[in-house]
C-alpha cells in the first residue's frame, strides 16, 4: 500500500474541502430549520405544510440538484456555492421535522411552569424549550451529518473537488487502493462529525449527566 503515503497531502486537502462542503450546510440548515420547526410546533395547521413541504426537498436527486444550482444561482458549474446551497436544502429537509419533534418533547408541565414564572413565548422557546430539545435535535443533526458527507461525494461527478474524487478516480482507473482510501476517508469524516455533535450536545445539556456515577 504505497499510494496513500505518497499522496497524503492530496487526501488531506480533499478531506478539508469535503468537511467544508458537508459541514457548513449543517450550520446554515440548522439556522433555517429552527424557525421553520418552531412554526410547525407552534401552529398545528401549519405543521403538515411545513414538515411535508420541506421533507419533499429530500426526494430531489442530488446530481440533478447540483446541476440545477448554477442555473438558479447564476454561478459557474464548478463553483462550490452550488454544493453548499444544495446541501443546505437537504439539511433543512431533514431537520425541520426533528426540530418540531424536539420542541414537542418538552413536557407540558415544564412549559406551564415557565409561563407561570413570567416567560413570554419567545423567551420560553429560547431559554427553556430549545435547551430541552437539544438531545432530539442533536440526534437529527447526526443523521444529517452522515447524509451530507455521503451526498457531497457525488459532487465529484460535476467536477467539484472533495473526497469523492478518490472514488471516481479509483473506480475509473480500476485502482482499488485509491477507491478504498476514499471510502475509509468518508467513513472517518462522518464519524468525526458524529463525535463532534455528540460532544457539543453533552456540553449544552449538562443536566443530562447529573446524578451519574463518576
N, C-alpha and C. Protein backbone atom coordinates (compact mmCIF):
# COMPACT_ATOMS: atom_id res chain seq x y z
N UNK A 1 0.86 -1.19 0.00
CA UNK A 1 0.00 0.00 0.00
C UNK A 1 0.89 1.24 0.00
N UNK A 2 1.24 1.71 -1.17
CA UNK A 2 2.18 2.82 -1.30
C UNK A 2 1.53 4.12 -1.74
N UNK A 3 0.33 4.06 -2.30
CA UNK A 3 -0.28 5.27 -2.84
C UNK A 3 -0.59 6.29 -1.75
N UNK A 4 -1.16 5.85 -0.62
CA UNK A 4 -1.56 6.79 0.43
C UNK A 4 -0.39 7.57 1.01
N UNK A 5 0.70 6.92 1.43
CA UNK A 5 1.82 7.71 1.97
C UNK A 5 2.35 8.75 0.99
N UNK A 6 2.33 8.42 -0.28
CA UNK A 6 2.86 9.34 -1.28
C UNK A 6 1.88 10.46 -1.63
N UNK A 7 0.62 10.30 -1.26
CA UNK A 7 -0.41 11.28 -1.63
C UNK A 7 -1.21 11.76 -0.42
N UNK A 8 -0.59 11.70 0.75
CA UNK A 8 -1.30 12.07 1.97
C UNK A 8 -1.73 13.54 1.96
N UNK A 9 -0.92 14.41 1.37
CA UNK A 9 -1.28 15.83 1.29
C UNK A 9 -2.53 16.04 0.42
N UNK A 10 -2.60 15.30 -0.67
CA UNK A 10 -3.77 15.39 -1.55
C UNK A 10 -5.03 14.93 -0.82
N UNK A 11 -4.92 13.81 -0.12
CA UNK A 11 -6.07 13.29 0.63
C UNK A 11 -6.49 14.29 1.71
N UNK A 12 -5.49 14.89 2.37
CA UNK A 12 -5.80 15.87 3.41
C UNK A 12 -6.53 17.09 2.86
N UNK A 13 -6.09 17.61 1.72
CA UNK A 13 -6.75 18.77 1.13
C UNK A 13 -8.16 18.43 0.65
N UNK A 14 -8.33 17.24 0.11
CA UNK A 14 -9.67 16.80 -0.30
C UNK A 14 -10.59 16.62 0.90
N UNK A 15 -10.03 16.12 2.00
CA UNK A 15 -10.82 15.94 3.22
C UNK A 15 -11.25 17.29 3.79
N UNK A 16 -10.36 18.28 3.75
CA UNK A 16 -10.74 19.62 4.22
C UNK A 16 -11.85 20.21 3.36
N UNK A 17 -11.72 20.05 2.05
CA UNK A 17 -12.77 20.54 1.15
C UNK A 17 -14.09 19.83 1.42
N UNK A 18 -14.03 18.53 1.65
CA UNK A 18 -15.22 17.74 1.93
C UNK A 18 -15.87 18.20 3.24
N UNK A 19 -15.04 18.46 4.25
CA UNK A 19 -15.55 18.93 5.55
C UNK A 19 -16.27 20.27 5.40
N UNK A 20 -15.69 21.13 4.59
CA UNK A 20 -16.30 22.45 4.35
C UNK A 20 -17.65 22.32 3.65
N UNK A 21 -17.68 21.50 2.61
CA UNK A 21 -18.90 21.35 1.81
C UNK A 21 -20.00 20.61 2.55
N UNK A 22 -19.62 19.73 3.48
CA UNK A 22 -20.62 18.97 4.24
C UNK A 22 -20.96 19.63 5.56
N UNK A 23 -19.99 20.33 6.17
CA UNK A 23 -20.19 20.89 7.50
C UNK A 23 -20.89 22.23 7.52
N UNK A 24 -20.50 23.14 6.64
CA UNK A 24 -21.12 24.46 6.64
C UNK A 24 -22.63 24.40 6.40
N UNK A 25 -23.10 23.55 5.48
CA UNK A 25 -24.56 23.43 5.30
C UNK A 25 -25.28 22.92 6.54
N UNK A 26 -24.58 22.17 7.41
CA UNK A 26 -25.22 21.75 8.66
C UNK A 26 -25.58 22.96 9.51
N UNK A 27 -24.68 23.93 9.57
CA UNK A 27 -24.94 25.14 10.35
C UNK A 27 -26.03 25.98 9.71
N UNK A 28 -25.90 26.21 8.40
CA UNK A 28 -26.92 27.00 7.70
C UNK A 28 -28.28 26.32 7.76
N UNK A 29 -28.29 25.00 7.54
CA UNK A 29 -29.54 24.25 7.56
C UNK A 29 -30.20 24.29 8.92
N UNK A 30 -29.40 24.18 9.97
CA UNK A 30 -29.96 24.24 11.33
C UNK A 30 -30.56 25.61 11.61
N UNK A 31 -29.86 26.67 11.21
CA UNK A 31 -30.38 28.03 11.43
C UNK A 31 -31.70 28.25 10.70
N UNK A 32 -31.85 27.67 9.52
CA UNK A 32 -33.10 27.79 8.78
C UNK A 32 -34.19 26.88 9.34
N UNK A 33 -33.78 25.70 9.80
CA UNK A 33 -34.76 24.72 10.30
C UNK A 33 -35.35 25.12 11.65
N UNK A 34 -34.60 25.86 12.46
CA UNK A 34 -35.10 26.23 13.78
C UNK A 34 -36.39 27.04 13.72
N UNK A 35 -36.46 28.14 12.97
CA UNK A 35 -37.74 28.87 12.91
C UNK A 35 -38.84 28.09 12.19
N UNK A 36 -38.47 27.31 11.17
CA UNK A 36 -39.48 26.52 10.47
C UNK A 36 -40.03 25.42 11.39
N UNK A 37 -39.14 24.77 12.12
CA UNK A 37 -39.57 23.74 13.06
C UNK A 37 -40.40 24.32 14.19
N UNK A 38 -40.02 25.51 14.65
CA UNK A 38 -40.80 26.17 15.69
C UNK A 38 -42.21 26.50 15.19
N UNK A 39 -42.31 26.98 13.95
CA UNK A 39 -43.62 27.28 13.37
C UNK A 39 -44.48 26.02 13.27
N UNK A 40 -43.85 24.92 12.88
CA UNK A 40 -44.58 23.65 12.79
C UNK A 40 -45.04 23.18 14.17
N UNK A 41 -44.23 23.43 15.18
CA UNK A 41 -44.59 23.07 16.56
C UNK A 41 -45.67 23.99 17.11
N UNK A 42 -45.59 25.25 16.78
CA UNK A 42 -46.48 26.26 17.37
C UNK A 42 -47.87 26.23 16.78
N UNK A 43 -47.98 26.02 15.46
CA UNK A 43 -49.29 26.09 14.80
C UNK A 43 -49.59 24.77 14.11
N UNK A 44 -50.58 24.07 14.61
CA UNK A 44 -50.93 22.75 14.09
C UNK A 44 -51.36 22.80 12.63
N UNK A 45 -52.03 23.85 12.23
CA UNK A 45 -52.48 23.94 10.84
C UNK A 45 -51.32 24.12 9.88
N UNK A 46 -50.26 24.74 10.35
CA UNK A 46 -49.09 24.98 9.51
C UNK A 46 -48.20 23.75 9.43
N UNK A 47 -48.24 22.92 10.48
CA UNK A 47 -47.30 21.79 10.58
C UNK A 47 -47.25 20.89 9.35
N UNK A 48 -48.40 20.39 8.86
CA UNK A 48 -48.31 19.49 7.69
C UNK A 48 -47.67 20.15 6.48
N UNK A 49 -47.98 21.42 6.27
CA UNK A 49 -47.44 22.13 5.10
C UNK A 49 -45.93 22.27 5.23
N UNK A 50 -45.46 22.69 6.41
CA UNK A 50 -44.04 22.93 6.61
C UNK A 50 -43.25 21.63 6.61
N UNK A 51 -43.72 20.66 7.39
CA UNK A 51 -42.98 19.40 7.53
C UNK A 51 -42.97 18.61 6.23
N UNK A 52 -44.13 18.45 5.63
CA UNK A 52 -44.21 17.69 4.38
C UNK A 52 -43.52 18.44 3.25
N UNK A 53 -43.74 19.75 3.20
CA UNK A 53 -43.14 20.55 2.12
C UNK A 53 -41.63 20.51 2.14
N UNK A 54 -41.04 20.68 3.32
CA UNK A 54 -39.58 20.64 3.40
C UNK A 54 -39.07 19.21 3.22
N UNK A 55 -39.82 18.23 3.70
CA UNK A 55 -39.41 16.84 3.55
C UNK A 55 -39.32 16.41 2.10
N UNK A 56 -40.20 16.96 1.27
CA UNK A 56 -40.18 16.62 -0.15
C UNK A 56 -38.90 17.08 -0.84
N UNK A 57 -38.24 18.08 -0.27
CA UNK A 57 -36.99 18.55 -0.87
C UNK A 57 -35.94 17.45 -0.90
N UNK A 58 -36.02 16.53 0.06
CA UNK A 58 -35.02 15.46 0.13
C UNK A 58 -35.19 14.43 -0.98
N UNK A 59 -36.35 14.46 -1.65
CA UNK A 59 -36.59 13.50 -2.73
C UNK A 59 -35.95 13.93 -4.04
N UNK A 60 -35.45 15.17 -4.10
CA UNK A 60 -34.80 15.64 -5.33
C UNK A 60 -33.47 14.92 -5.49
N UNK A 61 -33.22 14.27 -6.62
CA UNK A 61 -31.93 13.59 -6.81
C UNK A 61 -30.77 14.57 -6.67
N UNK A 62 -29.74 14.16 -5.94
CA UNK A 62 -28.63 15.07 -5.64
C UNK A 62 -27.91 15.56 -6.89
N UNK A 63 -27.65 14.65 -7.84
CA UNK A 63 -26.93 15.07 -9.04
C UNK A 63 -27.74 16.08 -9.83
N UNK A 64 -29.05 15.87 -9.90
CA UNK A 64 -29.91 16.82 -10.61
C UNK A 64 -29.89 18.18 -9.92
N UNK A 65 -29.90 18.16 -8.59
CA UNK A 65 -29.89 19.43 -7.85
C UNK A 65 -28.57 20.17 -8.04
N UNK A 66 -27.46 19.43 -8.03
CA UNK A 66 -26.15 20.04 -8.26
C UNK A 66 -26.09 20.70 -9.64
N UNK A 67 -26.67 20.04 -10.62
CA UNK A 67 -26.64 20.57 -11.99
C UNK A 67 -27.57 21.78 -12.13
N UNK A 68 -28.68 21.77 -11.40
CA UNK A 68 -29.64 22.88 -11.49
C UNK A 68 -29.18 24.13 -10.77
N UNK A 69 -28.36 23.98 -9.74
CA UNK A 69 -27.95 25.13 -8.94
C UNK A 69 -27.32 26.26 -9.73
N UNK A 70 -26.40 25.98 -10.68
CA UNK A 70 -25.83 27.10 -11.45
C UNK A 70 -26.89 27.88 -12.23
N UNK A 71 -27.93 27.19 -12.70
CA UNK A 71 -28.99 27.87 -13.44
C UNK A 71 -29.82 28.76 -12.51
N UNK A 72 -30.01 28.30 -11.28
CA UNK A 72 -30.81 29.06 -10.32
C UNK A 72 -30.00 30.20 -9.71
N UNK A 73 -28.74 29.92 -9.36
CA UNK A 73 -27.91 30.90 -8.66
C UNK A 73 -27.13 31.81 -9.59
N UNK A 74 -27.01 31.40 -10.85
CA UNK A 74 -26.21 32.18 -11.79
C UNK A 74 -24.71 32.03 -11.56
N UNK A 75 -24.31 30.89 -10.96
CA UNK A 75 -22.90 30.63 -10.68
C UNK A 75 -22.31 29.71 -11.76
N UNK A 76 -21.00 29.52 -11.69
CA UNK A 76 -20.35 28.61 -12.61
C UNK A 76 -20.59 27.18 -12.16
N UNK A 77 -20.49 26.23 -13.07
CA UNK A 77 -20.79 24.84 -12.78
C UNK A 77 -19.86 24.26 -11.71
N UNK A 78 -18.61 24.76 -11.64
CA UNK A 78 -17.65 24.24 -10.67
C UNK A 78 -17.62 25.02 -9.37
N UNK A 79 -18.48 26.02 -9.22
CA UNK A 79 -18.47 26.85 -8.02
C UNK A 79 -18.92 26.03 -6.81
N UNK A 80 -18.17 26.07 -5.70
CA UNK A 80 -18.57 25.31 -4.51
C UNK A 80 -19.89 25.79 -3.92
N UNK A 81 -20.29 27.04 -4.24
CA UNK A 81 -21.56 27.55 -3.73
C UNK A 81 -22.74 26.68 -4.17
N UNK A 82 -22.63 26.06 -5.33
CA UNK A 82 -23.70 25.18 -5.81
C UNK A 82 -23.92 24.03 -4.84
N UNK A 83 -22.82 23.43 -4.40
CA UNK A 83 -22.91 22.29 -3.48
C UNK A 83 -23.36 22.76 -2.10
N UNK A 84 -22.87 23.91 -1.65
CA UNK A 84 -23.25 24.43 -0.33
C UNK A 84 -24.76 24.68 -0.26
N UNK A 85 -25.30 25.30 -1.29
CA UNK A 85 -26.74 25.60 -1.29
C UNK A 85 -27.55 24.30 -1.37
N UNK A 86 -27.13 23.39 -2.24
CA UNK A 86 -27.85 22.12 -2.37
C UNK A 86 -27.83 21.34 -1.07
N UNK A 87 -26.68 21.29 -0.40
CA UNK A 87 -26.59 20.54 0.86
C UNK A 87 -27.36 21.23 1.97
N UNK A 88 -27.43 22.54 1.92
CA UNK A 88 -28.25 23.26 2.91
C UNK A 88 -29.72 22.89 2.74
N UNK A 89 -30.16 22.78 1.50
CA UNK A 89 -31.54 22.37 1.23
C UNK A 89 -31.82 20.98 1.80
N UNK A 90 -30.90 20.04 1.57
CA UNK A 90 -31.08 18.70 2.12
C UNK A 90 -31.07 18.70 3.65
N UNK A 91 -30.22 19.53 4.24
CA UNK A 91 -30.16 19.60 5.69
C UNK A 91 -31.46 20.13 6.27
N UNK A 92 -32.00 21.17 5.66
CA UNK A 92 -33.29 21.71 6.10
C UNK A 92 -34.38 20.64 5.99
N UNK A 93 -34.35 19.89 4.88
CA UNK A 93 -35.35 18.84 4.67
C UNK A 93 -35.32 17.81 5.80
N UNK A 94 -34.14 17.52 6.32
CA UNK A 94 -34.02 16.52 7.38
C UNK A 94 -34.30 17.08 8.77
N UNK A 95 -34.02 18.36 8.97
CA UNK A 95 -34.04 18.90 10.34
C UNK A 95 -35.34 19.56 10.76
N UNK A 96 -36.17 19.99 9.83
CA UNK A 96 -37.39 20.70 10.23
C UNK A 96 -38.27 19.81 11.10
N UNK A 97 -38.51 18.58 10.66
CA UNK A 97 -39.32 17.66 11.47
C UNK A 97 -38.64 17.37 12.81
N UNK A 98 -37.31 17.25 12.78
CA UNK A 98 -36.58 16.97 14.01
C UNK A 98 -36.74 18.10 15.02
N UNK A 99 -36.63 19.34 14.55
CA UNK A 99 -36.80 20.49 15.45
C UNK A 99 -38.21 20.52 16.02
N UNK A 100 -39.20 20.28 15.18
CA UNK A 100 -40.58 20.26 15.65
C UNK A 100 -40.79 19.15 16.68
N UNK A 101 -40.26 17.97 16.40
CA UNK A 101 -40.39 16.86 17.35
C UNK A 101 -39.65 17.16 18.65
N UNK A 102 -38.49 17.81 18.55
CA UNK A 102 -37.74 18.16 19.75
C UNK A 102 -38.52 19.12 20.64
N UNK A 103 -39.13 20.12 20.03
CA UNK A 103 -39.94 21.07 20.80
C UNK A 103 -41.19 20.39 21.36
N UNK A 104 -41.73 19.45 20.60
CA UNK A 104 -42.90 18.70 21.09
C UNK A 104 -42.55 17.86 22.32
N UNK A 105 -41.28 17.47 22.43
CA UNK A 105 -40.87 16.58 23.52
C UNK A 105 -40.76 17.28 24.87
N UNK A 106 -40.81 18.62 24.87
CA UNK A 106 -40.73 19.36 26.14
C UNK A 106 -42.00 19.07 26.94
N UNK A 107 -41.87 18.60 28.18
CA UNK A 107 -43.06 18.27 28.99
C UNK A 107 -43.98 19.47 29.16
N UNK A 108 -45.27 19.22 29.14
CA UNK A 108 -46.25 20.29 29.29
C UNK A 108 -46.12 21.00 30.62
N UNK A 109 -45.80 20.24 31.68
CA UNK A 109 -45.70 20.87 33.00
C UNK A 109 -44.51 21.83 33.07
N UNK A 110 -43.45 21.52 32.34
CA UNK A 110 -42.29 22.41 32.30
C UNK A 110 -42.66 23.70 31.57
N UNK A 111 -43.34 23.56 30.44
CA UNK A 111 -43.76 24.74 29.68
C UNK A 111 -44.72 25.59 30.51
N UNK A 112 -45.64 24.94 31.22
CA UNK A 112 -46.60 25.68 32.05
C UNK A 112 -45.89 26.40 33.19
N UNK A 113 -44.90 25.74 33.78
CA UNK A 113 -44.15 26.37 34.88
C UNK A 113 -43.39 27.58 34.39
N UNK A 114 -42.79 27.47 33.20
CA UNK A 114 -42.04 28.60 32.63
C UNK A 114 -42.97 29.77 32.35
N UNK A 115 -44.16 29.49 31.84
CA UNK A 115 -45.15 30.54 31.58
C UNK A 115 -45.59 31.19 32.87
N UNK A 116 -45.79 30.37 33.91
CA UNK A 116 -46.20 30.90 35.20
C UNK A 116 -45.13 31.78 35.83
N UNK A 117 -43.87 31.52 35.49
CA UNK A 117 -42.76 32.33 36.01
C UNK A 117 -42.59 33.63 35.24
N UNK A 118 -43.40 33.84 34.22
CA UNK A 118 -43.37 35.10 33.50
C UNK A 118 -42.64 35.09 32.17
N UNK A 119 -42.23 33.89 31.72
CA UNK A 119 -41.57 33.81 30.42
C UNK A 119 -42.57 34.03 29.30
N UNK A 120 -42.24 34.91 28.37
CA UNK A 120 -43.05 35.06 27.17
C UNK A 120 -42.77 33.93 26.20
N UNK A 121 -43.48 33.91 25.08
CA UNK A 121 -43.33 32.82 24.12
C UNK A 121 -41.91 32.72 23.58
N UNK A 122 -41.35 33.86 23.18
CA UNK A 122 -40.01 33.85 22.59
C UNK A 122 -38.97 33.49 23.64
N UNK A 123 -39.05 34.12 24.83
CA UNK A 123 -38.08 33.85 25.89
C UNK A 123 -38.16 32.39 26.34
N UNK A 124 -39.37 31.86 26.43
CA UNK A 124 -39.51 30.46 26.85
C UNK A 124 -38.92 29.53 25.81
N UNK A 125 -39.14 29.85 24.55
CA UNK A 125 -38.58 29.00 23.49
C UNK A 125 -37.06 28.99 23.54
N UNK A 126 -36.45 30.17 23.68
CA UNK A 126 -35.00 30.27 23.65
C UNK A 126 -34.34 29.73 24.91
N UNK A 127 -34.95 29.96 26.06
CA UNK A 127 -34.29 29.64 27.33
C UNK A 127 -34.75 28.32 27.96
N UNK A 128 -35.90 27.83 27.54
CA UNK A 128 -36.42 26.60 28.14
C UNK A 128 -36.59 25.50 27.09
N UNK A 129 -37.43 25.77 26.09
CA UNK A 129 -37.81 24.73 25.13
C UNK A 129 -36.62 24.23 24.30
N UNK A 130 -35.88 25.16 23.68
CA UNK A 130 -34.76 24.74 22.83
C UNK A 130 -33.68 23.98 23.59
N UNK A 131 -33.25 24.45 24.76
CA UNK A 131 -32.26 23.65 25.50
C UNK A 131 -32.74 22.24 25.81
N UNK A 132 -34.01 22.09 26.18
CA UNK A 132 -34.54 20.76 26.49
C UNK A 132 -34.70 19.91 25.23
N UNK A 133 -34.82 20.57 24.08
CA UNK A 133 -34.97 19.84 22.81
C UNK A 133 -33.63 19.46 22.19
N UNK A 134 -32.53 19.90 22.79
CA UNK A 134 -31.21 19.66 22.21
C UNK A 134 -30.94 18.18 21.93
N UNK A 135 -31.23 17.24 22.86
CA UNK A 135 -30.94 15.83 22.56
C UNK A 135 -31.64 15.32 21.30
N UNK A 136 -32.89 15.71 21.10
CA UNK A 136 -33.63 15.27 19.92
C UNK A 136 -33.07 15.93 18.67
N UNK A 137 -32.81 17.23 18.75
CA UNK A 137 -32.26 17.95 17.60
C UNK A 137 -30.87 17.41 17.25
N UNK A 138 -30.07 17.11 18.27
CA UNK A 138 -28.72 16.57 18.03
C UNK A 138 -28.80 15.22 17.32
N UNK A 139 -29.78 14.41 17.69
CA UNK A 139 -29.94 13.11 17.03
C UNK A 139 -30.23 13.30 15.54
N UNK A 140 -31.10 14.26 15.22
CA UNK A 140 -31.39 14.54 13.82
C UNK A 140 -30.19 15.13 13.10
N UNK A 141 -29.43 15.95 13.81
CA UNK A 141 -28.24 16.57 13.22
C UNK A 141 -27.19 15.51 12.90
N UNK A 142 -27.11 14.47 13.73
CA UNK A 142 -26.16 13.39 13.46
C UNK A 142 -26.53 12.65 12.17
N UNK A 143 -27.81 12.43 11.97
CA UNK A 143 -28.27 11.80 10.72
C UNK A 143 -27.96 12.69 9.53
N UNK A 144 -28.23 13.99 9.67
CA UNK A 144 -27.97 14.93 8.59
C UNK A 144 -26.48 15.00 8.26
N UNK A 145 -25.63 14.92 9.29
CA UNK A 145 -24.19 15.00 9.08
C UNK A 145 -23.70 13.82 8.24
N UNK A 146 -24.13 12.62 8.62
CA UNK A 146 -23.74 11.43 7.86
C UNK A 146 -24.27 11.51 6.43
N UNK A 147 -25.50 11.97 6.29
CA UNK A 147 -26.10 12.12 4.96
C UNK A 147 -25.31 13.11 4.12
N UNK A 148 -24.93 14.24 4.72
CA UNK A 148 -24.19 15.25 3.98
C UNK A 148 -22.84 14.73 3.49
N UNK A 149 -22.12 14.05 4.38
CA UNK A 149 -20.82 13.52 3.99
C UNK A 149 -20.97 12.56 2.82
N UNK A 150 -22.03 11.76 2.84
CA UNK A 150 -22.26 10.80 1.77
C UNK A 150 -22.63 11.50 0.46
N UNK A 151 -23.58 12.44 0.52
CA UNK A 151 -24.08 13.07 -0.70
C UNK A 151 -23.05 13.98 -1.35
N UNK A 152 -22.24 14.65 -0.53
CA UNK A 152 -21.24 15.56 -1.09
C UNK A 152 -20.29 14.84 -2.04
N UNK A 153 -20.01 13.57 -1.76
CA UNK A 153 -19.08 12.83 -2.62
C UNK A 153 -19.57 12.75 -4.06
N UNK A 154 -20.90 12.85 -4.26
CA UNK A 154 -21.46 12.79 -5.60
C UNK A 154 -21.07 14.01 -6.43
N UNK A 155 -20.72 15.10 -5.74
CA UNK A 155 -20.36 16.34 -6.45
C UNK A 155 -19.10 16.18 -7.29
N UNK A 156 -18.35 15.11 -7.06
CA UNK A 156 -17.17 14.88 -7.90
C UNK A 156 -17.57 14.64 -9.35
N UNK A 157 -18.80 14.19 -9.58
CA UNK A 157 -19.26 13.94 -10.94
C UNK A 157 -19.45 15.22 -11.74
N UNK A 158 -19.57 16.36 -11.04
CA UNK A 158 -19.68 17.64 -11.76
C UNK A 158 -18.39 18.44 -11.62
N UNK A 159 -17.34 17.81 -11.10
CA UNK A 159 -16.02 18.44 -11.07
C UNK A 159 -15.67 19.23 -9.83
N UNK A 160 -16.49 19.13 -8.76
CA UNK A 160 -16.17 19.83 -7.51
C UNK A 160 -15.27 18.93 -6.68
N UNK A 161 -14.08 19.40 -6.36
CA UNK A 161 -13.08 18.55 -5.70
C UNK A 161 -13.41 18.31 -4.23
N UNK A 162 -13.37 17.06 -3.83
CA UNK A 162 -13.50 16.61 -2.43
C UNK A 162 -13.20 15.11 -2.43
N UNK A 163 -13.48 14.41 -1.36
CA UNK A 163 -13.10 13.00 -1.24
C UNK A 163 -13.76 12.13 -2.31
N UNK A 164 -14.86 12.57 -2.86
CA UNK A 164 -15.50 11.81 -3.93
C UNK A 164 -14.61 11.64 -5.14
N UNK A 165 -13.64 12.55 -5.29
CA UNK A 165 -12.68 12.42 -6.40
C UNK A 165 -11.92 11.10 -6.32
N UNK A 166 -11.62 10.68 -5.10
CA UNK A 166 -10.89 9.42 -4.93
C UNK A 166 -11.75 8.24 -5.37
N UNK A 167 -13.05 8.34 -5.13
CA UNK A 167 -13.96 7.25 -5.51
C UNK A 167 -14.06 7.15 -7.03
N UNK A 168 -14.27 8.28 -7.68
CA UNK A 168 -14.40 8.24 -9.14
C UNK A 168 -13.07 7.90 -9.81
N UNK A 169 -11.98 8.42 -9.23
CA UNK A 169 -10.66 8.15 -9.81
C UNK A 169 -10.28 6.68 -9.63
N UNK A 170 -10.52 6.16 -8.43
CA UNK A 170 -10.19 4.76 -8.18
C UNK A 170 -11.01 3.81 -9.02
N UNK A 171 -12.29 4.13 -9.17
CA UNK A 171 -13.15 3.29 -9.99
C UNK A 171 -12.80 3.41 -11.47
N UNK A 172 -12.58 4.63 -11.92
CA UNK A 172 -12.30 4.86 -13.33
C UNK A 172 -10.99 4.22 -13.78
N UNK A 173 -10.01 4.19 -12.89
CA UNK A 173 -8.70 3.62 -13.24
C UNK A 173 -8.54 2.18 -12.76
N UNK A 174 -9.63 1.62 -12.20
CA UNK A 174 -9.55 0.27 -11.63
C UNK A 174 -8.40 0.17 -10.63
N UNK A 175 -8.35 1.17 -9.73
CA UNK A 175 -7.27 1.30 -8.75
C UNK A 175 -7.88 1.11 -7.36
N UNK A 176 -7.94 -0.13 -6.87
CA UNK A 176 -8.63 -0.41 -5.60
C UNK A 176 -8.11 0.38 -4.41
N UNK A 177 -6.80 0.63 -4.35
CA UNK A 177 -6.25 1.33 -3.19
C UNK A 177 -6.82 2.74 -3.07
N UNK A 178 -6.89 3.45 -4.18
CA UNK A 178 -7.45 4.80 -4.17
C UNK A 178 -8.93 4.75 -3.79
N UNK A 179 -9.63 3.77 -4.32
CA UNK A 179 -11.06 3.62 -4.03
C UNK A 179 -11.28 3.38 -2.55
N UNK A 180 -10.51 2.49 -1.94
CA UNK A 180 -10.66 2.18 -0.52
C UNK A 180 -10.25 3.35 0.37
N UNK A 181 -9.23 4.07 -0.04
CA UNK A 181 -8.83 5.27 0.72
C UNK A 181 -9.98 6.27 0.74
N UNK A 182 -10.63 6.47 -0.40
CA UNK A 182 -11.76 7.38 -0.47
C UNK A 182 -12.92 6.93 0.41
N UNK A 183 -13.22 5.64 0.38
CA UNK A 183 -14.32 5.11 1.20
C UNK A 183 -14.02 5.28 2.68
N UNK A 184 -12.82 4.87 3.10
CA UNK A 184 -12.46 4.95 4.51
C UNK A 184 -12.38 6.40 4.99
N UNK A 185 -11.89 7.29 4.11
CA UNK A 185 -11.82 8.70 4.49
C UNK A 185 -13.21 9.28 4.72
N UNK A 186 -14.17 8.91 3.87
CA UNK A 186 -15.55 9.38 4.04
C UNK A 186 -16.16 8.84 5.34
N UNK A 187 -15.90 7.57 5.62
CA UNK A 187 -16.41 6.97 6.85
C UNK A 187 -15.82 7.66 8.08
N UNK A 188 -14.51 7.88 8.06
CA UNK A 188 -13.85 8.53 9.20
C UNK A 188 -14.35 9.97 9.38
N UNK A 189 -14.59 10.66 8.28
CA UNK A 189 -15.09 12.03 8.36
C UNK A 189 -16.50 12.05 8.95
N UNK A 190 -17.34 11.11 8.53
CA UNK A 190 -18.69 11.01 9.09
C UNK A 190 -18.64 10.72 10.59
N UNK A 191 -17.73 9.83 10.99
CA UNK A 191 -17.57 9.52 12.41
C UNK A 191 -17.09 10.73 13.19
N UNK A 192 -16.19 11.51 12.60
CA UNK A 192 -15.69 12.72 13.26
C UNK A 192 -16.82 13.71 13.46
N UNK A 193 -17.63 13.93 12.44
CA UNK A 193 -18.78 14.82 12.56
C UNK A 193 -19.70 14.34 13.68
N UNK A 194 -19.93 13.04 13.72
CA UNK A 194 -20.82 12.46 14.72
C UNK A 194 -20.30 12.70 16.13
N UNK A 195 -19.01 12.49 16.33
CA UNK A 195 -18.40 12.68 17.65
C UNK A 195 -18.51 14.15 18.07
N UNK A 196 -18.23 15.07 17.15
CA UNK A 196 -18.31 16.50 17.47
C UNK A 196 -19.72 16.88 17.90
N UNK A 197 -20.73 16.39 17.18
CA UNK A 197 -22.12 16.71 17.52
C UNK A 197 -22.49 16.13 18.88
N UNK A 198 -22.08 14.91 19.17
CA UNK A 198 -22.36 14.28 20.47
C UNK A 198 -21.73 15.08 21.59
N UNK A 199 -20.47 15.48 21.42
CA UNK A 199 -19.78 16.24 22.45
C UNK A 199 -20.46 17.59 22.68
N UNK A 200 -20.80 18.28 21.59
CA UNK A 200 -21.47 19.57 21.74
C UNK A 200 -22.83 19.43 22.43
N UNK A 201 -23.55 18.37 22.09
CA UNK A 201 -24.85 18.15 22.73
C UNK A 201 -24.69 17.92 24.23
N UNK A 202 -23.66 17.20 24.64
CA UNK A 202 -23.42 16.97 26.05
C UNK A 202 -23.01 18.24 26.77
N UNK A 203 -22.22 19.07 26.09
CA UNK A 203 -21.82 20.34 26.68
C UNK A 203 -23.03 21.24 26.89
N UNK A 204 -23.97 21.22 25.95
CA UNK A 204 -25.15 22.08 26.02
C UNK A 204 -26.22 21.54 26.96
N UNK A 205 -26.10 20.29 27.37
CA UNK A 205 -27.11 19.69 28.26
C UNK A 205 -26.43 19.06 29.48
N UNK A 206 -25.80 19.87 30.33
CA UNK A 206 -25.09 19.31 31.49
C UNK A 206 -26.01 18.59 32.46
N UNK A 207 -27.31 18.96 32.48
CA UNK A 207 -28.23 18.33 33.41
C UNK A 207 -28.48 16.85 33.09
N UNK A 208 -28.21 16.44 31.84
CA UNK A 208 -28.41 15.05 31.50
C UNK A 208 -27.38 14.13 32.15
N UNK A 209 -26.28 14.74 32.64
CA UNK A 209 -25.24 13.95 33.30
C UNK A 209 -25.35 14.01 34.82
N UNK A 210 -26.31 14.79 35.31
CA UNK A 210 -26.47 14.92 36.75
C UNK A 210 -26.87 13.60 37.38
N UNK A 211 -26.21 13.26 38.45
CA UNK A 211 -26.55 12.03 39.17
C UNK A 211 -25.87 10.81 38.65
N UNK A 212 -25.11 10.90 37.52
CA UNK A 212 -24.42 9.74 37.01
C UNK A 212 -23.17 9.46 37.85
N UNK A 213 -22.83 8.21 38.05
CA UNK A 213 -21.62 7.91 38.82
C UNK A 213 -20.37 8.37 38.09
N UNK A 214 -19.41 8.84 38.83
CA UNK A 214 -18.16 9.32 38.23
C UNK A 214 -17.37 8.18 37.64
